[in-house]
N, C-alpha and C. Protein backbone atom coordinates (compact mmCIF):
# COMPACT_ATOMS: atom_id res chain seq x y z
N ALA A 1 1.27 -0.29 -12.87
CA ALA A 1 2.45 -0.84 -13.03
C ALA A 1 2.26 -2.50 -13.35
N ASN A 2 1.13 -3.18 -12.89
CA ASN A 2 1.01 -4.35 -13.37
C ASN A 2 -0.66 -4.76 -13.73
N ALA A 3 -0.91 -5.57 -14.41
CA ALA A 3 -2.15 -5.66 -14.70
C ALA A 3 -3.03 -6.06 -13.46
N ALA A 4 -2.73 -6.98 -12.60
CA ALA A 4 -3.26 -7.29 -11.48
C ALA A 4 -3.83 -6.17 -10.42
N ALA A 5 -2.65 -5.20 -10.48
CA ALA A 5 -3.00 -4.17 -9.38
C ALA A 5 -4.04 -3.11 -10.54
N ALA A 6 -3.86 -2.92 -11.33
CA ALA A 6 -4.69 -1.98 -12.16
C ALA A 6 -6.18 -2.73 -12.09
N GLU A 7 -6.40 -3.99 -12.31
CA GLU A 7 -7.61 -4.34 -12.37
C GLU A 7 -8.55 -4.10 -11.04
N VAL A 8 -7.69 -4.53 -9.71
CA VAL A 8 -8.20 -4.07 -8.45
C VAL A 8 -8.63 -2.90 -8.24
N LEU A 9 -7.86 -1.76 -8.78
CA LEU A 9 -8.05 -0.64 -8.64
C LEU A 9 -8.88 0.12 -9.49
N GLY A 10 -9.47 -0.58 -10.38
CA GLY A 10 -10.45 -0.43 -11.45
C GLY A 10 -10.15 0.22 -12.57
N ASN A 11 -8.65 -0.16 -13.24
CA ASN A 11 -8.30 0.20 -14.61
C ASN A 11 -8.09 1.65 -14.54
N PRO A 12 -7.28 2.48 -13.71
CA PRO A 12 -7.45 4.01 -14.10
C PRO A 12 -6.55 4.32 -15.15
N ALA A 13 -6.74 5.47 -15.88
CA ALA A 13 -6.22 5.85 -16.89
C ALA A 13 -4.72 6.06 -16.54
N ASP A 14 -4.59 6.83 -15.50
CA ASP A 14 -3.39 7.49 -14.90
C ASP A 14 -3.13 6.19 -13.72
N CYS A 15 -2.06 5.72 -13.93
CA CYS A 15 -1.67 4.48 -12.98
C CYS A 15 -1.06 5.03 -11.40
N THR A 16 -0.67 6.34 -11.63
CA THR A 16 -0.42 7.09 -10.32
C THR A 16 -1.81 7.70 -9.39
N ALA A 17 -2.83 7.87 -10.29
CA ALA A 17 -4.11 7.96 -9.44
C ALA A 17 -4.33 7.56 -8.21
N GLY A 18 -4.52 8.60 -7.11
CA GLY A 18 -4.39 7.99 -5.82
C GLY A 18 -3.18 7.85 -4.95
N PHE A 19 -2.48 8.08 -5.78
CA PHE A 19 -0.93 7.78 -4.94
C PHE A 19 -0.28 9.20 -5.05
N GLU A 20 0.82 9.35 -3.88
CA GLU A 20 1.29 10.65 -3.54
C GLU A 20 2.97 10.08 -3.36
N PRO A 21 3.95 10.71 -3.99
CA PRO A 21 5.46 10.48 -3.65
C PRO A 21 5.56 10.41 -2.23
N GLY A 22 6.52 9.52 -1.93
CA GLY A 22 6.72 9.31 -0.50
C GLY A 22 5.86 8.47 0.49
N VAL A 23 4.86 7.89 -0.15
CA VAL A 23 4.01 7.00 0.40
C VAL A 23 3.66 5.81 -0.11
N GLY A 24 3.61 4.50 0.74
CA GLY A 24 3.40 3.37 0.15
C GLY A 24 1.98 3.15 0.84
N LYS A 25 1.17 2.39 -0.03
CA LYS A 25 -0.19 1.73 0.57
C LYS A 25 0.02 0.12 0.72
N ILE A 26 -0.91 -0.25 1.85
CA ILE A 26 -1.21 -1.52 1.78
C ILE A 26 -2.50 -1.77 2.11
N GLU A 27 -3.43 -2.27 0.97
CA GLU A 27 -4.94 -2.29 1.19
C GLU A 27 -5.22 -3.57 0.85
N LEU A 28 -6.49 -4.05 1.59
CA LEU A 28 -7.22 -5.19 1.24
C LEU A 28 -8.52 -4.84 0.28
N TYR A 29 -8.79 -5.82 -0.83
CA TYR A 29 -9.75 -5.53 -1.28
C TYR A 29 -10.69 -6.93 -1.42
N GLU A 30 -11.71 -6.65 -1.60
CA GLU A 30 -12.58 -7.73 -1.90
C GLU A 30 -12.85 -7.98 -3.43
N PHE A 31 -12.38 -8.99 -4.14
CA PHE A 31 -12.50 -8.86 -5.59
C PHE A 31 -12.73 -10.54 -6.23
N ASP A 32 -13.63 -10.42 -6.75
CA ASP A 32 -14.41 -11.70 -7.77
C ASP A 32 -14.25 -13.09 -6.38
N GLY A 33 -14.70 -12.61 -5.28
CA GLY A 33 -14.91 -13.52 -4.16
C GLY A 33 -13.86 -13.76 -3.15
N ASN A 34 -12.57 -12.95 -3.46
CA ASN A 34 -11.39 -13.55 -2.79
C ASN A 34 -10.95 -12.32 -2.30
N VAL A 35 -10.00 -12.22 -1.45
CA VAL A 35 -9.44 -11.08 -1.04
C VAL A 35 -8.18 -10.83 -1.57
N ALA A 36 -7.67 -9.36 -1.93
CA ALA A 36 -6.54 -9.20 -2.84
C ALA A 36 -6.02 -8.07 -1.72
N MET A 37 -4.73 -8.38 -1.72
CA MET A 37 -3.76 -7.60 -0.94
C MET A 37 -2.98 -6.69 -1.92
N LEU A 38 -3.17 -5.33 -2.04
CA LEU A 38 -2.44 -4.80 -2.68
C LEU A 38 -1.34 -3.62 -2.10
N VAL A 39 -0.10 -4.10 -2.26
CA VAL A 39 1.13 -3.53 -1.67
C VAL A 39 1.91 -2.56 -2.81
N ALA A 40 1.80 -1.34 -2.89
CA ALA A 40 1.97 -0.69 -3.85
C ALA A 40 2.16 0.85 -3.53
N GLY A 41 3.06 1.93 -4.44
CA GLY A 41 3.60 3.23 -3.94
C GLY A 41 3.53 4.03 -5.24
N TYR A 42 4.06 5.25 -5.04
CA TYR A 42 3.86 6.00 -6.22
C TYR A 42 5.03 5.79 -7.04
N ASN A 43 6.35 5.06 -6.44
CA ASN A 43 7.38 4.64 -7.18
C ASN A 43 7.99 3.55 -6.62
N ALA A 44 9.00 3.02 -7.16
CA ALA A 44 9.33 1.93 -6.91
C ALA A 44 9.98 1.78 -5.08
N VAL A 45 10.67 2.94 -4.92
CA VAL A 45 10.92 3.14 -3.21
C VAL A 45 9.85 3.05 -2.43
N ASP A 46 8.97 3.90 -2.88
CA ASP A 46 7.38 3.63 -1.85
C ASP A 46 6.95 2.22 -2.06
N THR A 47 6.89 1.64 -3.05
CA THR A 47 6.58 0.06 -2.93
C THR A 47 7.32 -0.51 -2.19
N ARG A 48 8.73 -0.44 -2.33
CA ARG A 48 9.60 -1.34 -1.71
C ARG A 48 9.41 -1.36 -0.05
N ASN A 49 9.11 0.34 0.29
CA ASN A 49 8.89 0.30 1.94
C ASN A 49 7.43 -0.31 2.07
N ALA A 50 6.54 -0.27 1.55
CA ALA A 50 5.46 -0.99 2.02
C ALA A 50 5.45 -2.40 1.85
N ALA A 51 6.37 -2.89 1.02
CA ALA A 51 6.67 -4.49 0.76
C ALA A 51 7.53 -4.60 2.05
N ALA A 52 8.37 -3.91 2.69
CA ALA A 52 9.13 -4.01 3.78
C ALA A 52 8.58 -4.38 4.95
N VAL A 53 7.35 -3.48 5.12
CA VAL A 53 6.22 -3.77 6.26
C VAL A 53 5.76 -5.12 6.33
N ILE A 54 5.32 -5.55 5.05
CA ILE A 54 4.56 -7.12 4.94
C ILE A 54 5.77 -8.00 5.13
N ALA A 55 6.82 -7.87 4.75
CA ALA A 55 8.38 -8.93 4.85
C ALA A 55 8.41 -8.94 6.49
N GLY A 56 8.16 -7.63 7.34
CA GLY A 56 8.58 -7.64 8.85
C GLY A 56 7.27 -7.66 9.24
N TYR A 57 6.31 -8.38 9.04
CA TYR A 57 5.11 -8.40 9.71
C TYR A 57 5.24 -8.16 10.91
N ASN A 58 5.92 -9.37 11.58
CA ASN A 58 5.94 -9.42 13.04
C ASN A 58 6.69 -7.87 13.78
N ASP A 59 7.14 -7.30 13.09
CA ASP A 59 7.79 -5.97 13.69
C ASP A 59 6.42 -5.04 13.42
N TYR A 60 5.57 -5.04 12.55
CA TYR A 60 4.39 -3.95 12.14
C TYR A 60 2.96 -4.25 12.53
N LYS A 61 3.01 -5.63 12.88
CA LYS A 61 1.39 -6.19 13.05
C LYS A 61 0.54 -5.18 13.82
N LYS A 62 1.28 -4.69 14.99
CA LYS A 62 0.08 -3.84 15.94
C LYS A 62 -0.15 -2.74 15.10
N PHE A 63 0.42 -2.33 13.79
CA PHE A 63 0.06 -1.10 13.22
C PHE A 63 -0.64 -1.53 12.16
N LEU A 64 -0.88 -2.64 11.77
CA LEU A 64 -1.72 -2.98 10.55
C LEU A 64 -3.21 -3.36 10.94
N LYS A 65 -3.95 -2.42 10.98
CA LYS A 65 -5.16 -2.30 11.30
C LYS A 65 -6.23 -1.88 10.16
N GLY A 66 -7.42 -2.32 10.01
CA GLY A 66 -8.58 -2.16 9.23
C GLY A 66 -7.81 -2.53 7.80
N THR A 67 -8.49 -2.06 6.63
CA THR A 67 -8.15 -2.48 5.21
C THR A 67 -7.23 -1.65 4.29
N LYS A 68 -6.68 -0.34 5.18
CA LYS A 68 -6.08 0.39 4.56
C LYS A 68 -4.98 0.64 5.66
N VAL A 69 -3.92 0.75 5.14
CA VAL A 69 -2.50 1.79 5.92
C VAL A 69 -1.76 2.35 4.89
N GLU A 70 -1.21 3.37 5.36
CA GLU A 70 -0.06 4.33 4.35
C GLU A 70 1.33 3.68 5.22
N VAL A 71 2.16 3.79 4.55
CA VAL A 71 3.86 3.73 4.95
C VAL A 71 4.78 4.52 4.36
N ARG A 72 5.13 5.44 5.52
CA ARG A 72 6.03 6.46 5.24
C ARG A 72 7.41 6.18 5.68
N LYS A 73 8.44 6.69 5.06
CA LYS A 73 9.87 6.78 5.77
C LYS A 73 10.13 7.80 6.08
N ILE A 74 10.25 8.10 8.02
CA ILE A 74 10.44 9.36 8.09
C ILE A 74 11.87 8.91 9.17
N ASN A 75 12.71 9.95 8.85
CA ASN A 75 14.34 9.94 9.66
C ASN A 75 14.95 8.49 9.63
N ASN A 76 14.77 7.89 8.16
CA ASN A 76 15.24 6.08 8.22
C ASN A 76 14.34 5.22 8.78
N ALA A 77 13.09 5.45 9.32
CA ALA A 77 12.35 4.42 10.03
C ALA A 77 10.92 4.55 9.32
N LEU A 78 10.49 3.30 8.86
CA LEU A 78 9.40 3.08 8.46
C LEU A 78 8.38 3.35 9.52
N THR A 79 7.30 4.13 8.91
CA THR A 79 6.08 4.19 10.11
C THR A 79 4.78 3.94 9.44
N VAL A 80 3.77 3.29 9.95
CA VAL A 80 2.71 2.57 9.22
C VAL A 80 1.51 3.40 10.00
N ALA A 81 0.52 3.79 9.35
CA ALA A 81 -0.62 4.49 10.11
C ALA A 81 -2.04 4.34 9.12
N ALA A 82 -3.02 4.50 9.68
CA ALA A 82 -4.17 4.81 8.84
C ALA A 82 -3.98 5.91 8.11
N PRO A 83 -4.75 5.90 6.58
CA PRO A 83 -4.72 7.18 5.58
C PRO A 83 -4.65 8.47 6.12
N LEU A 84 -4.01 9.31 5.74
CA LEU A 84 -4.64 10.56 6.23
C LEU A 84 -5.84 11.08 5.56
N SER A 85 -5.89 10.80 4.41
CA SER A 85 -7.34 10.92 3.94
C SER A 85 -7.92 9.64 3.04
N ASP A 86 -9.25 9.67 2.85
CA ASP A 86 -9.73 8.25 2.09
C ASP A 86 -10.67 9.13 1.07
């Protein structure tokens, strides 16, 4: 969806590669000597859910462990956990 995210992800031909409906991602990457944070999802709703976790950092910081987490909306509540598969 945007050039910066595509570059961090290695410019996949299919921009939805590695994403699944209903799941947002928050991932950290080392890139060109810097750290990049990817906040993305399969669609706009999934991306907004992941962004809401970053915006509400104080509410979610205990779940933000490691370099990758998945965000899912279950029963109108955002859940944050390590990826089910990597």
